[in-house]
Amino acid sequence: MVTAGTVRGRTVREHTARYRVVPSDSVRTLAHRGREFLRKPAVMASAKLLELGEGICMEALRESLRPEQCSLGTRQLAAHHGAVWIGDTLAITARRVGGEDPRSEWYVAMTAIPADDEKPHLAWEGMLSFVVVDLRRFEQQRTSPRQPAAAQQPRRRLVRHR
């Protein structure tokens, strides 16, 4: 469901959804990436949470895009606040909080509603950024000749402050 309102003269878009967590969402399904994933409990994989967060934002953006456009993720900042167990239901809310077209920034929150009637809890939240591109033009950039770099930049190292 998408709702829109106005705050300080600016349209705020909010999109909500529910998602039932299934066994294929488990962190254990990532075992092909390393045996350590098999040692994890039957909880939802972080990658799947990010996928759902991006998905709800892209769904909300899709409503205002032309057919030849698509949105691409440019930045993700996320935090876990609690486990999401297989069988739980996620209540997901995405709210556009900034950005000027073609860019947008979204706050996404996921509340886990446990299958065993425990108290719901905020399980994940994040700030996600997107840019809208013309798909054909974007794909043509990949095949066009690249310009050589003007000058090689020196490699920088992280400096640790004590």
Protein backbone atom coordinates (compact mmCIF):
# COMPACT_ATOMS: atom_id res chain seq x y z
CA MET A 1 0.00 0.00 0.00
CA VAL A 2 1.29 3.46 -0.87
CA THR A 3 0.20 6.57 0.95
CA ALA A 4 1.28 10.13 0.28
CA GLY A 5 1.07 13.23 2.43
CA THR A 6 2.63 16.66 2.58
CA VAL A 7 5.14 17.82 5.17
CA ARG A 8 6.46 21.39 4.92
CA GLY A 9 5.21 21.66 1.35
CA ARG A 10 6.97 18.48 0.25
CA THR A 11 5.34 15.20 -0.76
CA VAL A 12 6.25 12.32 1.51
CA ARG A 13 5.67 8.85 0.13
CA GLU A 14 5.20 5.84 2.36
CA HIS A 15 4.91 2.27 1.20
CA THR A 16 4.02 -0.67 3.44
CA ALA A 17 4.04 -4.43 2.98
CA ARG A 18 4.03 -7.70 4.90
CA TYR A 19 6.33 -10.62 4.24
CA ARG A 20 6.21 -14.14 5.67
CA VAL A 21 9.73 -15.51 6.33
CA VAL A 22 10.22 -18.93 4.71
CA PRO A 23 13.03 -21.53 5.02
CA SER A 24 14.68 -20.37 1.78
CA ASP A 25 15.31 -16.98 3.50
CA SER A 26 17.56 -18.63 6.10
CA VAL A 27 21.19 -17.65 6.47
CA ARG A 28 21.93 -21.38 6.14
CA THR A 29 20.99 -21.25 2.45
CA LEU A 30 24.22 -19.29 1.92
CA ALA A 31 26.31 -22.36 2.76
CA HIS A 32 27.59 -22.43 -0.83
CA ARG A 33 29.56 -19.30 0.13
CA GLY A 34 31.26 -20.96 3.06
CA ARG A 35 30.76 -23.67 5.65
CA GLU A 36 30.43 -21.16 8.48
CA PHE A 37 26.92 -20.31 7.27
CA LEU A 38 25.80 -23.84 8.20
CA ARG A 39 26.63 -23.13 11.85
CA LYS A 40 24.11 -20.28 12.05
CA PRO A 41 20.67 -20.56 13.67
CA ALA A 42 17.51 -20.71 11.53
CA VAL A 43 17.25 -16.95 11.12
CA MET A 44 16.77 -14.72 8.12
CA ALA A 45 19.91 -13.80 6.18
CA SER A 46 21.04 -10.17 6.33
CA ALA A 47 21.26 -10.15 2.53
CA LYS A 48 17.59 -11.10 2.32
CA LEU A 49 16.62 -8.27 4.68
CA LEU A 50 18.46 -5.78 2.49
CA GLU A 51 16.81 -7.29 -0.60
CA LEU A 52 13.36 -6.76 0.93
CA GLY A 53 14.27 -3.21 1.95
CA GLU A 54 15.44 -2.32 -1.54
CA GLY A 55 12.47 -4.11 -3.08
CA ILE A 56 9.82 -2.08 -1.27
CA CYS A 57 11.56 1.19 -2.21
CA MET A 58 11.86 0.17 -5.85
CA GLU A 59 8.19 -0.82 -5.87
CA ALA A 60 7.24 2.62 -4.56
CA LEU A 61 9.52 4.34 -7.09
CA ARG A 62 8.14 2.24 -9.97
CA GLU A 63 4.79 4.04 -9.68
CA SER A 64 6.32 7.33 -10.86
CA LEU A 65 8.79 6.03 -13.47
CA ARG A 66 8.35 5.94 -17.22
CA PRO A 67 8.59 2.48 -18.85
CA GLU A 68 12.14 3.15 -20.10
CA GLN A 69 13.41 4.09 -16.63
CA CYS A 70 14.58 2.02 -13.68
CA SER A 71 15.97 2.75 -10.23
CA LEU A 72 19.41 1.64 -9.09
CA GLY A 73 20.62 1.43 -5.51
CA THR A 74 23.52 3.75 -4.73
CA ARG A 75 23.96 3.53 -0.96
CA GLN A 76 22.86 1.33 1.94
CA LEU A 77 23.28 1.91 5.65
CA ALA A 78 21.55 -0.75 7.73
CA ALA A 79 21.35 -1.99 11.30
CA HIS A 80 20.05 -5.21 12.84
CA HIS A 81 18.15 -4.86 16.10
CA GLY A 82 17.00 -8.44 16.57
CA ALA A 83 16.76 -11.83 14.94
CA VAL A 84 14.08 -12.64 12.41
CA TRP A 85 13.19 -16.31 12.76
CA ILE A 86 11.85 -18.55 10.02
CA GLY A 87 8.04 -18.43 10.27
CA ASP A 88 7.92 -14.83 11.51
CA THR A 89 6.07 -12.14 9.58
CA LEU A 90 7.78 -8.86 8.74
CA ALA A 91 5.82 -5.60 8.69
CA ILE A 92 7.86 -3.39 6.36
CA THR A 93 7.56 0.37 6.00
CA ALA A 94 9.52 2.51 3.54
CA ARG A 95 9.29 6.30 3.71
CA ARG A 96 10.90 8.66 1.23
CA VAL A 97 12.79 11.16 3.37
CA GLY A 98 14.88 13.10 0.88
CA GLY A 99 16.58 13.55 -2.42
CA GLU A 100 15.85 15.59 -5.50
CA ASP A 101 14.91 13.81 -8.72
CA PRO A 102 16.51 11.67 -10.07
CA ARG A 103 17.87 10.77 -6.62
CA SER A 104 15.88 9.63 -3.60
CA GLU A 105 16.60 8.58 -0.03
CA TRP A 106 14.42 6.20 1.93
CA TYR A 107 14.08 5.17 5.57
CA VAL A 108 13.03 1.52 5.85
CA ALA A 109 11.96 -0.22 9.06
CA MET A 110 11.07 -3.90 9.50
CA THR A 111 9.17 -5.10 12.54
CA ALA A 112 9.27 -8.84 13.21
CA ILE A 113 5.97 -10.33 14.31
CA PRO A 114 6.92 -13.70 15.82
CA ALA A 115 4.94 -16.79 14.83
CA ASP A 116 4.84 -17.90 18.49
CA ASP A 117 2.87 -14.81 19.65
CA GLU A 118 5.86 -13.16 21.33
CA LYS A 119 5.94 -9.38 21.35
CA PRO A 120 6.74 -7.75 17.95
CA HIS A 121 10.10 -5.97 17.80
CA LEU A 122 12.02 -3.68 15.47
CA ALA A 123 14.35 -6.12 13.75
CA TRP A 124 16.03 -4.06 11.03
CA GLU A 125 16.19 -0.48 9.82
CA GLY A 126 18.14 1.27 7.13
CA MET A 127 18.70 4.32 4.97
CA LEU A 128 18.70 3.42 1.28
CA SER A 129 19.50 5.70 -1.65
CA PHE A 130 18.54 5.30 -5.30
CA VAL A 131 19.03 7.03 -8.62
CA VAL A 132 16.62 6.82 -11.55
CA VAL A 133 18.25 6.16 -14.92
CA ASP A 134 17.18 5.71 -18.51
CA LEU A 135 17.87 1.99 -18.91
CA ARG A 136 18.90 2.08 -22.58
CA ARG A 137 21.26 5.03 -22.06
CA PHE A 138 22.73 3.42 -18.95
CA GLU A 139 23.41 0.14 -20.73
CA GLN A 140 24.97 1.99 -23.70
CA GLN A 141 27.50 3.57 -21.32
CA ARG A 142 28.82 0.10 -20.62
CA THR A 143 29.61 -0.59 -24.25
CA SER A 144 30.94 2.86 -25.18
CA PRO A 145 34.72 3.43 -25.19
CA ARG A 146 36.04 4.60 -21.86
CA GLN A 147 38.06 7.74 -21.48
CA PRO A 148 41.52 7.25 -19.97
CA ALA A 149 42.03 8.73 -16.53
CA ALA A 150 43.60 12.22 -16.67
CA ALA A 151 46.22 11.39 -14.08
CA GLN A 152 46.85 8.42 -11.90
CA GLN A 153 45.80 9.22 -8.34
CA PRO A 154 48.08 8.21 -5.48
CA ARG A 155 46.86 5.35 -3.36
CA ARG A 156 45.57 6.47 -0.02
CA ARG A 157 45.82 4.53 3.21
CA LEU A 158 43.52 4.59 6.15
CA VAL A 159 45.03 6.50 9.03
CA ARG A 160 44.17 5.30 12.48
CA HIS A 161 43.89 7.97 15.11
CA ARG A 162 44.70 7.01 18.66
